[in-house]
Amino acid sequence: MENKDMNELDMTQLDRINGGVFGEVSADSALLHRLGLLDEEFNCIEVTVDWKNCSEKVDGAWEKVGIVCNSSPTHNNEYYYQGQRITWDEARKIAKDKMIKGPKIGIPLPGQ
């Protein structure tokens, strides 16, 4: 029997509800570290114990590629690029596109 009362979510809605608040900052730190935008990455326990420090460092790393990240301990992170709200996948793509990767360094591409 098919449940006809269910509503489907689009990808933007799914993006906003997936993950978890501490897990998002931890995942962001891993990505930003791999791109050379952050000197370290944080696991969920570190983020939970030292939220202010970890979230500030992650938000600052996003700013290096022009993305404003509003991380929150009670809500999903919000990402903005050029004043427009974007998804995490879009933020990740922008960061990757703007960086030349090297071993623990990140160099913004010319003109970025």
PDB file of N, CA and C in Angstrom:
ATOM      1  N   MET A   1       0.837  -1.175   0.000  1.00  0.00           N
ATOM      2  CA  MET A   1       0.000   0.000   0.000  1.00  0.00           C
ATOM      3  C   MET A   1       0.887   1.245   0.000  1.00  0.00           C
ATOM      4  N   GLU A   2       0.570   2.199  -0.818  1.00  0.00           N
ATOM      5  CA  GLU A   2       1.366   3.423  -0.938  1.00  0.00           C
ATOM      6  C   GLU A   2       0.816   4.503  -0.014  1.00  0.00           C
ATOM      7  N   ASN A   3       1.706   5.188   0.673  1.00  0.00           N
ATOM      8  CA  ASN A   3       1.308   6.286   1.542  1.00  0.00           C
ATOM      9  C   ASN A   3       1.129   7.538   0.695  1.00  0.00           C
ATOM     10  N   LYS A   4      -0.097   7.956   0.505  1.00  0.00           N
ATOM     11  CA  LYS A   4      -0.382   9.113  -0.353  1.00  0.00           C
ATOM     12  C   LYS A   4      -0.401  10.411   0.443  1.00  0.00           C
ATOM     13  N   ASP A   5      -0.231  10.320   1.760  1.00  0.00           N
ATOM     14  CA  ASP A   5      -0.231  11.522   2.595  1.00  0.00           C
ATOM     15  C   ASP A   5       1.150  12.137   2.742  1.00  0.00           C
ATOM     16  N   MET A   6       2.163  11.465   2.227  1.00  0.00           N
ATOM     17  CA  MET A   6       3.526  11.972   2.353  1.00  0.00           C
ATOM     18  C   MET A   6       3.781  13.070   1.324  1.00  0.00           C
ATOM     19  N   ASN A   7       4.504  14.077   1.730  1.00  0.00           N
ATOM     20  CA  ASN A   7       4.949  15.127   0.814  1.00  0.00           C
ATOM     21  C   ASN A   7       6.418  14.905   0.516  1.00  0.00           C
ATOM     22  N   GLU A   8       6.813  15.089  -0.721  1.00  0.00           N
ATOM     23  CA  GLU A   8       8.214  14.965  -1.080  1.00  0.00           C
ATOM     24  C   GLU A   8       8.933  16.270  -0.802  1.00  0.00           C
ATOM     25  N   LEU A   9      10.178  16.151  -0.387  1.00  0.00           N
ATOM     26  CA  LEU A   9      11.004  17.325  -0.138  1.00  0.00           C
ATOM     27  C   LEU A   9      11.916  17.540  -1.330  1.00  0.00           C
ATOM     28  N   ASP A  10      12.132  18.801  -1.700  1.00  0.00           N
ATOM     29  CA  ASP A  10      13.095  19.060  -2.767  1.00  0.00           C
ATOM     30  C   ASP A  10      14.499  19.073  -2.162  1.00  0.00           C
ATOM     31  N   MET A  11      15.520  19.154  -3.012  1.00  0.00           N
ATOM     32  CA  MET A  11      16.901  19.054  -2.533  1.00  0.00           C
ATOM     33  C   MET A  11      17.270  20.181  -1.573  1.00  0.00           C
ATOM     34  N   THR A  12      16.749  21.372  -1.788  1.00  0.00           N
ATOM     35  CA  THR A  12      17.048  22.487  -0.881  1.00  0.00           C
ATOM     36  C   THR A  12      16.492  22.201   0.506  1.00  0.00           C
ATOM     37  N   GLN A  13      15.269  21.697   0.567  1.00  0.00           N
ATOM     38  CA  GLN A  13      14.676  21.369   1.858  1.00  0.00           C
ATOM     39  C   GLN A  13      15.451  20.246   2.547  1.00  0.00           C
ATOM     40  N   LEU A  14      15.838  19.235   1.780  1.00  0.00           N
ATOM     41  CA  LEU A  14      16.625  18.152   2.358  1.00  0.00           C
ATOM     42  C   LEU A  14      17.960  18.650   2.869  1.00  0.00           C
ATOM     43  N   ASP A  15      18.589  19.546   2.103  1.00  0.00           N
ATOM     44  CA  ASP A  15      19.881  20.084   2.512  1.00  0.00           C
ATOM     45  C   ASP A  15      19.776  20.822   3.840  1.00  0.00           C
ATOM     46  N   ARG A  16      18.652  21.478   4.064  1.00  0.00           N
ATOM     47  CA  ARG A  16      18.485  22.254   5.289  1.00  0.00           C
ATOM     48  C   ARG A  16      18.222  21.385   6.511  1.00  0.00           C
ATOM     49  N   ILE A  17      17.750  20.154   6.308  1.00  0.00           N
ATOM     50  CA  ILE A  17      17.436  19.330   7.469  1.00  0.00           C
ATOM     51  C   ILE A  17      18.439  18.218   7.711  1.00  0.00           C
ATOM     52  N   ASN A  18      19.367  17.989   6.784  1.00  0.00           N
ATOM     53  CA  ASN A  18      20.308  16.880   7.002  1.00  0.00           C
ATOM     54  C   ASN A  18      21.405  17.289   7.962  1.00  0.00           C
ATOM     55  N   GLY A  19      22.144  16.316   8.412  1.00  0.00           N
ATOM     56  CA  GLY A  19      23.273  16.607   9.292  1.00  0.00           C
ATOM     57  C   GLY A  19      22.829  16.972  10.686  1.00  0.00           C
ATOM     58  N   GLY A  20      23.740  17.511  11.427  1.00  0.00           N
ATOM     59  CA  GLY A  20      23.461  17.967  12.773  1.00  0.00           C
ATOM     60  C   GLY A  20      24.338  19.161  13.040  1.00  0.00           C
ATOM     61  N   VAL A  21      23.987  19.962  14.004  1.00  0.00           N
ATOM     62  CA  VAL A  21      24.668  21.237  14.197  1.00  0.00           C
ATOM     63  C   VAL A  21      26.146  21.082  14.537  1.00  0.00           C
ATOM     64  N   PHE A  22      26.492  20.190  15.456  1.00  0.00           N
ATOM     65  CA  PHE A  22      27.898  19.992  15.776  1.00  0.00           C
ATOM     66  C   PHE A  22      28.588  19.222  14.655  1.00  0.00           C
ATOM     67  N   GLY A  23      27.868  18.281  14.077  1.00  0.00           N
ATOM     68  CA  GLY A  23      28.402  17.511  12.957  1.00  0.00           C
ATOM     69  C   GLY A  23      28.669  18.364  11.739  1.00  0.00           C
ATOM     70  N   GLU A  24      27.856  19.380  11.519  1.00  0.00           N
ATOM     71  CA  GLU A  24      28.070  20.271  10.376  1.00  0.00           C
ATOM     72  C   GLU A  24      29.367  21.052  10.523  1.00  0.00           C
ATOM     73  N   VAL A  25      29.618  21.584  11.705  1.00  0.00           N
ATOM     74  CA  VAL A  25      30.855  22.340  11.927  1.00  0.00           C
ATOM     75  C   VAL A  25      32.060  21.404  11.810  1.00  0.00           C
ATOM     76  N   SER A  26      31.919  20.194  12.306  1.00  0.00           N
ATOM     77  CA  SER A  26      32.991  19.208  12.183  1.00  0.00           C
ATOM     78  C   SER A  26      33.248  18.866  10.714  1.00  0.00           C
ATOM     79  N   ALA A  27      32.186  18.623   9.947  1.00  0.00           N
ATOM     80  CA  ALA A  27      32.328  18.308   8.519  1.00  0.00           C
ATOM     81  C   ALA A  27      32.914  19.491   7.754  1.00  0.00           C
ATOM     82  N   ASP A  28      32.470  20.693   8.096  1.00  0.00           N
ATOM     83  CA  ASP A  28      33.029  21.888   7.456  1.00  0.00           C
ATOM     84  C   ASP A  28      34.523  21.987   7.732  1.00  0.00           C
ATOM     85  N   SER A  29      34.927  21.709   8.974  1.00  0.00           N
ATOM     86  CA  SER A  29      36.341  21.834   9.320  1.00  0.00           C
ATOM     87  C   SER A  29      37.181  20.846   8.521  1.00  0.00           C
ATOM     88  N   ALA A  30      36.662  19.639   8.294  1.00  0.00           N
ATOM     89  CA  ALA A  30      37.397  18.641   7.510  1.00  0.00           C
ATOM     90  C   ALA A  30      37.572  19.111   6.073  1.00  0.00           C
ATOM     91  N   LEU A  31      36.506  19.615   5.474  1.00  0.00           N
ATOM     92  CA  LEU A  31      36.571  20.126   4.106  1.00  0.00           C
ATOM     93  C   LEU A  31      37.535  21.304   3.999  1.00  0.00           C
ATOM     94  N   LEU A  32      37.376  22.267   4.891  1.00  0.00           N
ATOM     95  CA  LEU A  32      38.201  23.472   4.844  1.00  0.00           C
ATOM     96  C   LEU A  32      39.670  23.159   5.118  1.00  0.00           C
ATOM     97  N   HIS A  33      39.920  22.177   5.963  1.00  0.00           N
ATOM     98  CA  HIS A  33      41.292  21.741   6.231  1.00  0.00           C
ATOM     99  C   HIS A  33      41.906  21.123   4.973  1.00  0.00           C
ATOM    100  N   ARG A  34      41.148  20.252   4.298  1.00  0.00           N
ATOM    101  CA  ARG A  34      41.642  19.631   3.059  1.00  0.00           C
ATOM    102  C   ARG A  34      41.935  20.667   1.982  1.00  0.00           C
ATOM    103  N   LEU A  35      41.164  21.746   1.966  1.00  0.00           N
ATOM    104  CA  LEU A  35      41.370  22.798   0.971  1.00  0.00           C
ATOM    105  C   LEU A  35      42.478  23.767   1.359  1.00  0.00           C
ATOM    106  N   GLY A  36      42.996  23.639   2.570  1.00  0.00           N
ATOM    107  CA  GLY A  36      44.069  24.516   3.018  1.00  0.00           C
ATOM    108  C   GLY A  36      43.586  25.824   3.596  1.00  0.00           C
ATOM    109  N   LEU A  37      42.308  25.910   3.915  1.00  0.00           N
ATOM    110  CA  LEU A  37      41.742  27.136   4.467  1.00  0.00           C
ATOM    111  C   LEU A  37      41.708  27.148   5.994  1.00  0.00           C
ATOM    112  N   LEU A  38      41.970  25.999   6.584  1.00  0.00           N
ATOM    113  CA  LEU A  38      41.915  25.859   8.034  1.00  0.00           C
ATOM    114  C   LEU A  38      43.097  24.985   8.455  1.00  0.00           C
ATOM    115  N   ASP A  39      43.787  25.378   9.508  1.00  0.00           N
ATOM    116  CA  ASP A  39      44.990  24.668   9.940  1.00  0.00           C
ATOM    117  C   ASP A  39      44.705  23.324  10.599  1.00  0.00           C
ATOM    118  N   GLU A  40      43.490  23.106  11.041  1.00  0.00           N
ATOM    119  CA  GLU A  40      43.155  21.881  11.750  1.00  0.00           C
ATOM    120  C   GLU A  40      41.718  21.494  11.444  1.00  0.00           C
ATOM    121  N   GLU A  41      41.386  20.266  11.751  1.00  0.00           N
ATOM    122  CA  GLU A  41      39.983  19.885  11.657  1.00  0.00           C
ATOM    123  C   GLU A  41      39.514  19.425  13.019  1.00  0.00           C
ATOM    124  N   PHE A  42      38.225  19.546  13.268  1.00  0.00           N
ATOM    125  CA  PHE A  42      37.658  19.266  14.585  1.00  0.00           C
ATOM    126  C   PHE A  42      36.691  18.094  14.508  1.00  0.00           C
ATOM    127  N   ASN A  43      36.772  17.189  15.479  1.00  0.00           N
ATOM    128  CA  ASN A  43      35.764  16.131  15.547  1.00  0.00           C
ATOM    129  C   ASN A  43      34.567  16.650  16.350  1.00  0.00           C
ATOM    130  N   CYS A  44      33.493  15.888  16.354  1.00  0.00           N
ATOM    131  CA  CYS A  44      32.262  16.342  17.013  1.00  0.00           C
ATOM    132  C   CYS A  44      32.442  16.604  18.502  1.00  0.00           C
ATOM    133  N   ILE A  45      33.287  15.822  19.150  1.00  0.00           N
ATOM    134  CA  ILE A  45      33.512  16.027  20.586  1.00  0.00           C
ATOM    135  C   ILE A  45      34.204  17.369  20.824  1.00  0.00           C
ATOM    136  N   GLU A  46      35.227  17.664  20.012  1.00  0.00           N
ATOM    137  CA  GLU A  46      35.918  18.957  20.155  1.00  0.00           C
ATOM    138  C   GLU A  46      34.955  20.114  19.936  1.00  0.00           C
ATOM    139  N   VAL A  47      34.107  19.996  18.923  1.00  0.00           N
ATOM    140  CA  VAL A  47      33.144  21.061  18.630  1.00  0.00           C
ATOM    141  C   VAL A  47      32.165  21.216  19.786  1.00  0.00           C
ATOM    142  N   THR A  48      31.714  20.114  20.348  1.00  0.00           N
ATOM    143  CA  THR A  48      30.763  20.159  21.460  1.00  0.00           C
ATOM    144  C   THR A  48      31.381  20.816  22.689  1.00  0.00           C
ATOM    145  N   VAL A  49      32.625  20.455  23.000  1.00  0.00           N
ATOM    146  CA  VAL A  49      33.292  20.965  24.195  1.00  0.00           C
ATOM    147  C   VAL A  49      33.744  22.410  24.023  1.00  0.00           C
ATOM    148  N   ASP A  50      34.168  22.776  22.811  1.00  0.00           N
ATOM    149  CA  ASP A  50      34.723  24.115  22.569  1.00  0.00           C
ATOM    150  C   ASP A  50      34.016  24.779  21.386  1.00  0.00           C
ATOM    151  N   TRP A  51      32.689  24.869  21.473  1.00  0.00           N
ATOM    152  CA  TRP A  51      31.864  25.384  20.375  1.00  0.00           C
ATOM    153  C   TRP A  51      32.342  26.735  19.865  1.00  0.00           C
ATOM    154  N   LYS A  52      32.521  27.693  20.743  1.00  0.00           N
ATOM    155  CA  LYS A  52      32.839  29.061  20.334  1.00  0.00           C
ATOM    156  C   LYS A  52      34.122  29.106  19.496  1.00  0.00           C
ATOM    157  N   ASN A  53      35.167  28.504  19.972  1.00  0.00           N
ATOM    158  CA  ASN A  53      36.446  28.507  19.280  1.00  0.00           C
ATOM    159  C   ASN A  53      36.349  27.800  17.921  1.00  0.00           C
ATOM    160  N   CYS A  54      35.774  26.608  17.920  1.00  0.00           N
ATOM    161  CA  CYS A  54      35.690  25.821  16.681  1.00  0.00           C
ATOM    162  C   CYS A  54      34.811  26.513  15.638  1.00  0.00           C
ATOM    163  N   SER A  55      33.641  26.969  16.056  1.00  0.00           N
ATOM    164  CA  SER A  55      32.727  27.588  15.087  1.00  0.00           C
ATOM    165  C   SER A  55      33.303  28.892  14.538  1.00  0.00           C
ATOM    166  N   GLU A  56      33.988  29.672  15.379  1.00  0.00           N
ATOM    167  CA  GLU A  56      34.595  30.916  14.901  1.00  0.00           C
ATOM    168  C   GLU A  56      35.694  30.636  13.871  1.00  0.00           C
ATOM    169  N   LYS A  57      36.493  29.613  14.115  1.00  0.00           N
ATOM    170  CA  LYS A  57      37.554  29.268  13.167  1.00  0.00           C
ATOM    171  C   LYS A  57      36.974  28.780  11.840  1.00  0.00           C
ATOM    172  N   VAL A  58      35.931  27.969  11.909  1.00  0.00           N
ATOM    173  CA  VAL A  58      35.297  27.461  10.691  1.00  0.00           C
ATOM    174  C   VAL A  58      34.644  28.615   9.922  1.00  0.00           C
ATOM    175  N   ASP A  59      33.906  29.474  10.609  1.00  0.00           N
ATOM    176  CA  ASP A  59      33.274  30.618   9.940  1.00  0.00           C
ATOM    177  C   ASP A  59      34.332  31.513   9.298  1.00  0.00           C
ATOM    178  N   GLY A  60      35.456  31.717   9.985  1.00  0.00           N
ATOM    179  CA  GLY A  60      36.544  32.531   9.439  1.00  0.00           C
ATOM    180  C   GLY A  60      37.172  31.912   8.202  1.00  0.00           C
ATOM    181  N   ALA A  61      37.270  30.595   8.182  1.00  0.00           N
ATOM    182  CA  ALA A  61      37.836  29.911   7.007  1.00  0.00           C
ATOM    183  C   ALA A  61      36.915  30.052   5.805  1.00  0.00           C
ATOM    184  N   TRP A  62      35.607  29.961   6.021  1.00  0.00           N
ATOM    185  CA  TRP A  62      34.664  30.171   4.909  1.00  0.00           C
ATOM    186  C   TRP A  62      34.811  31.583   4.340  1.00  0.00           C
ATOM    187  N   GLU A  63      35.033  32.555   5.219  1.00  0.00           N
ATOM    188  CA  GLU A  63      35.156  33.950   4.774  1.00  0.00           C
ATOM    189  C   GLU A  63      36.322  34.142   3.814  1.00  0.00           C
ATOM    190  N   LYS A  64      37.355  33.315   3.907  1.00  0.00           N
ATOM    191  CA  LYS A  64      38.517  33.434   3.024  1.00  0.00           C
ATOM    192  C   LYS A  64      38.153  33.230   1.553  1.00  0.00           C
ATOM    193  N   VAL A  65      37.050  32.539   1.289  1.00  0.00           N
ATOM    194  CA  VAL A  65      36.614  32.335  -0.098  1.00  0.00           C
ATOM    195  C   VAL A  65      35.316  33.086  -0.381  1.00  0.00           C
ATOM    196  N   GLY A  66      34.992  34.051   0.481  1.00  0.00           N
ATOM    197  CA  GLY A  66      33.850  34.917   0.233  1.00  0.00           C
ATOM    198  C   GLY A  66      32.505  34.360   0.653  1.00  0.00           C
ATOM    199  N   ILE A  67      32.510  33.335   1.475  1.00  0.00           N
ATOM    200  CA  ILE A  67      31.263  32.728   1.934  1.00  0.00           C
ATOM    201  C   ILE A  67      31.039  33.102   3.394  1.00  0.00           C
ATOM    202  N   VAL A  68      29.844  33.574   3.696  1.00  0.00           N
ATOM    203  CA  VAL A  68      29.475  33.854   5.077  1.00  0.00           C
ATOM    204  C   VAL A  68      28.758  32.619   5.603  1.00  0.00           C
ATOM    205  N   CYS A  69      29.289  32.068   6.673  1.00  0.00           N
ATOM    206  CA  CYS A  69      28.668  30.903   7.312  1.00  0.00           C
ATOM    207  C   CYS A  69      28.169  31.334   8.678  1.00  0.00           C
ATOM    208  N   ASN A  70      26.890  31.135   8.905  1.00  0.00           N
ATOM    209  CA  ASN A  70      26.317  31.370  10.217  1.00  0.00           C
ATOM    210  C   ASN A  70      26.123  30.005  10.867  1.00  0.00           C
ATOM    211  N   SER A  71      27.111  29.590  11.652  1.00  0.00           N
ATOM    212  CA  SER A  71      26.984  28.305  12.333  1.00  0.00           C
ATOM    213  C   SER A  71      26.251  28.525  13.645  1.00  0.00           C
ATOM    214  N   SER A  72      25.470  27.528  14.002  1.00  0.00           N
ATOM    215  CA  SER A  72      24.646  27.649  15.200  1.00  0.00           C
ATOM    216  C   SER A  72      24.666  26.335  15.965  1.00  0.00           C
ATOM    217  N   PRO A  73      24.727  26.395  17.288  1.00  0.00           N
ATOM    218  CA  PRO A  73      24.689  25.153  18.059  1.00  0.00           C
ATOM    219  C   PRO A  73      23.283  24.552  18.150  1.00  0.00           C
ATOM    220  N   THR A  74      22.261  25.292  17.703  1.00  0.00           N
ATOM    221  CA  THR A  74      20.882  24.802  17.821  1.00  0.00           C
ATOM    222  C   THR A  74      20.150  24.681  16.492  1.00  0.00           C
ATOM    223  N   HIS A  75      20.733  25.178  15.411  1.00  0.00           N
ATOM    224  CA  HIS A  75      20.093  25.114  14.090  1.00  0.00           C
ATOM    225  C   HIS A  75      21.127  24.692  13.054  1.00  0.00           C
ATOM    226  N   ASN A  76      20.665  24.286  11.885  1.00  0.00           N
ATOM    227  CA  ASN A  76      21.583  23.953  10.807  1.00  0.00           C
ATOM    228  C   ASN A  76      22.326  25.203  10.355  1.00  0.00           C
ATOM    229  N   ASN A  77      23.547  25.011   9.902  1.00  0.00           N
ATOM    230  CA  ASN A  77      24.341  26.132   9.412  1.00  0.00           C
ATOM    231  C   ASN A  77      23.665  26.778   8.212  1.00  0.00           C
ATOM    232  N   GLU A  78      23.883  28.080   8.071  1.00  0.00           N
ATOM    233  CA  GLU A  78      23.385  28.811   6.908  1.00  0.00           C
ATOM    234  C   GLU A  78      24.592  29.379   6.180  1.00  0.00           C
ATOM    235  N   TYR A  79      24.546  29.312   4.859  1.00  0.00           N
ATOM    236  CA  TYR A  79      25.652  29.768   4.023  1.00  0.00           C
ATOM    237  C   TYR A  79      25.140  30.826   3.058  1.00  0.00           C
ATOM    238  N   TYR A  80      25.968  31.884   2.877  1.00  0.00           N
ATOM    239  CA  TYR A  80      25.607  32.983   1.977  1.00  0.00           C
ATOM    240  C   TYR A  80      26.803  33.316   1.092  1.00  0.00           C
ATOM    241  N   TYR A  81      26.503  33.573  -0.164  1.00  0.00           N
ATOM    242  CA  TYR A  81      27.544  33.973  -1.107  1.00  0.00           C
ATOM    243  C   TYR A  81      26.995  35.133  -1.920  1.00  0.00           C
ATOM    244  N   GLN A  82      27.706  36.234  -1.898  1.00  0.00           N
ATOM    245  CA  GLN A  82      27.293  37.460  -2.574  1.00  0.00           C
ATOM    246  C   GLN A  82      25.870  37.858  -2.180  1.00  0.00           C
ATOM    247  N   GLY A  83      25.582  37.712  -0.883  1.00  0.00           N
ATOM    248  CA  GLY A  83      24.294  38.124  -0.338  1.00  0.00           C
ATOM    249  C   GLY A  83      23.148  37.151  -0.543  1.00  0.00           C
ATOM    250  N   GLN A  84      23.383  36.044  -1.243  1.00  0.00           N
ATOM    251  CA  GLN A  84      22.336  35.067  -1.516  1.00  0.00           C
ATOM    252  C   GLN A  84      22.544  33.815  -0.673  1.00  0.00           C
ATOM    253  N   ARG A  85      21.469  33.292  -0.138  1.00  0.00           N
ATOM    254  CA  ARG A  85      21.564  32.048   0.619  1.00  0.00           C
ATOM    255  C   ARG A  85      21.861  30.912  -0.347  1.00  0.00           C
ATOM    256  N   ILE A  86      22.799  30.057   0.043  1.00  0.00           N
ATOM    257  CA  ILE A  86      23.175  28.911  -0.777  1.00  0.00           C
ATOM    258  C   ILE A  86      23.168  27.652   0.082  1.00  0.00           C
ATOM    259  N   THR A  87      23.189  26.514  -0.572  1.00  0.00           N
ATOM    260  CA  THR A  87      23.230  25.242   0.152  1.00  0.00           C
ATOM    261  C   THR A  87      24.670  24.907   0.510  1.00  0.00           C
ATOM    262  N   TRP A  88      24.831  23.900   1.361  1.00  0.00           N
ATOM    263  CA  TRP A  88      26.173  23.449   1.718  1.00  0.00           C
ATOM    264  C   TRP A  88      26.897  22.926   0.489  1.00  0.00           C
ATOM    265  N   ASP A  89      26.188  22.199  -0.367  1.00  0.00           N
ATOM    266  CA  ASP A  89      26.818  21.687  -1.587  1.00  0.00           C
ATOM    267  C   ASP A  89      27.318  22.825  -2.472  1.00  0.00           C
ATOM    268  N   GLU A  90      26.536  23.886  -2.574  1.00  0.00           N
ATOM    269  CA  GLU A  90      26.969  25.042  -3.364  1.00  0.00           C
ATOM    270  C   GLU A  90      28.179  25.716  -2.720  1.00  0.00           C
ATOM    271  N   ALA A  91      28.167  25.843  -1.397  1.00  0.00           N
ATOM    272  CA  ALA A  91      29.302  26.446  -0.686  1.00  0.00           C
ATOM    273  C   ALA A  91      30.558  25.611  -0.895  1.00  0.00           C
ATOM    274  N   ARG A  92      30.419  24.313  -0.805  1.00  0.00           N
ATOM    275  CA  ARG A  92      31.553  23.409  -1.004  1.00  0.00           C
ATOM    276  C   ARG A  92      32.117  23.550  -2.416  1.00  0.00           C
ATOM    277  N   LYS A  93      31.256  23.621  -3.409  1.00  0.00           N
ATOM    278  CA  LYS A  93      31.707  23.757  -4.794  1.00  0.00           C
ATOM    279  C   LYS A  93      32.426  25.086  -5.013  1.00  0.00           C
ATOM    280  N   ILE A  94      31.877  26.158  -4.477  1.00  0.00           N
ATOM    281  CA  ILE A  94      32.515  27.475  -4.612  1.00  0.00           C
ATOM    282  C   ILE A  94      33.902  27.445  -3.983  1.00  0.00           C
ATOM    283  N   ALA A  95      34.008  26.889  -2.782  1.00  0.00           N
ATOM    284  CA  ALA A  95      35.308  26.827  -2.102  1.00  0.00           C
ATOM    285  C   ALA A  95      36.298  26.011  -2.910  1.00  0.00           C
ATOM    286  N   LYS A  96      35.879  24.862  -3.421  1.00  0.00           N
ATOM    287  CA  LYS A  96      36.781  24.023  -4.218  1.00  0.00           C
ATOM    288  C   LYS A  96      37.199  24.737  -5.492  1.00  0.00           C
ATOM    289  N   ASP A  97      36.268  25.409  -6.144  1.00  0.00           N
ATOM    290  CA  ASP A  97      36.567  26.107  -7.397  1.00  0.00           C
ATOM    291  C   ASP A  97      37.523  27.280  -7.205  1.00  0.00           C
ATOM    292  N   LYS A  98      37.517  27.863  -6.011  1.00  0.00           N
ATOM    293  CA  LYS A  98      38.357  29.029  -5.757  1.00  0.00           C
ATOM    294  C   LYS A  98      39.756  28.685  -5.265  1.00  0.00           C
ATOM    295  N   MET A  99      39.999  27.423  -4.976  1.00  0.00           N
ATOM    296  CA  MET A  99      41.267  27.054  -4.366  1.00  0.00           C
ATOM    297  C   MET A  99      42.111  26.157  -5.256  1.00  0.00           C
ATOM    298  N   ILE A 100      43.419  26.379  -5.206  1.00  0.00           N
ATOM    299  CA  ILE A 100      44.386  25.441  -5.748  1.00  0.00           C
ATOM    300  C   ILE A 100      44.856  24.646  -4.536  1.00  0.00           C
ATOM    301  N   LYS A 101      44.706  23.337  -4.579  1.00  0.00           N
ATOM    302  CA  LYS A 101      45.047  22.548  -3.397  1.00  0.00           C
ATOM    303  C   LYS A 101      46.520  22.167  -3.393  1.00  0.00           C
ATOM    304  N   GLY A 102      47.080  22.163  -2.230  1.00  0.00           N
ATOM    305  CA  GLY A 102      48.444  21.718  -2.017  1.00  0.00           C
ATOM    306  C   GLY A 102      48.513  21.085  -0.651  1.00  0.00           C
ATOM    307  N   PRO A 103      49.655  20.583  -0.276  1.00  0.00           N
ATOM    308  CA  PRO A 103      49.751  19.946   1.042  1.00  0.00           C
ATOM    309  C   PRO A 103      49.605  20.964   2.167  1.00  0.00           C
ATOM    310  N   LYS A 104      48.432  20.982   2.759  1.00  0.00           N
ATOM    311  CA  LYS A 104      48.109  21.849   3.894  1.00  0.00           C
ATOM    312  C   LYS A 104      48.253  23.337   3.605  1.00  0.00           C
ATOM    313  N   ILE A 105      48.190  23.703   2.322  1.00  0.00           N
ATOM    314  CA  ILE A 105      48.147  25.126   1.995  1.00  0.00           C
ATOM    315  C   ILE A 105      47.018  25.346   1.025  1.00  0.00           C
ATOM    316  N   GLY A 106      46.497  26.514   1.020  1.00  0.00           N
ATOM    317  CA  GLY A 106      45.477  26.866   0.045  1.00  0.00           C
ATOM    318  C   GLY A 106      45.823  28.214  -0.540  1.00  0.00           C
ATOM    319  N   ILE A 107      45.798  28.281  -1.842  1.00  0.00           N
ATOM    320  CA  ILE A 107      46.141  29.524  -2.521  1.00  0.00           C
ATOM    321  C   ILE A 107      44.947  29.955  -3.369  1.00  0.00           C
ATOM    322  N   PRO A 108      44.358  31.107  -3.108  1.00  0.00           N
ATOM    323  CA  PRO A 108      43.240  31.558  -3.935  1.00  0.00           C
ATOM    324  C   PRO A 108      43.701  31.710  -5.387  1.00  0.00           C
ATOM    325  N   LEU A 109      42.857  31.305  -6.310  1.00  0.00           N
ATOM    326  CA  LEU A 109      43.172  31.456  -7.726  1.00  0.00           C
ATOM    327  C   LEU A 109      43.250  32.942  -8.065  1.00  0.00           C
ATOM    328  N   PRO A 110      44.077  33.329  -9.026  1.00  0.00           N
ATOM    329  CA  PRO A 110      44.166  34.740  -9.420  1.00  0.00           C
ATOM    330  C   PRO A 110      42.795  35.276  -9.825  1.00  0.00           C
ATOM    331  N   GLY A 111      42.522  36.503  -9.433  1.00  0.00           N
ATOM    332  CA  GLY A 111      41.266  37.147  -9.784  1.00  0.00           C
ATOM    333  C   GLY A 111      40.082  36.707  -8.956  1.00  0.00           C
ATOM    334  N   GLN A 112      40.318  35.929  -7.918  1.00  0.00           N
ATOM    335  CA  GLN A 112      39.204  35.445  -7.093  1.00  0.00           C
ATOM    336  C   GLN A 112      39.033  36.306  -5.874  1.00  0.00           C
TER     337      GLN A 112
END
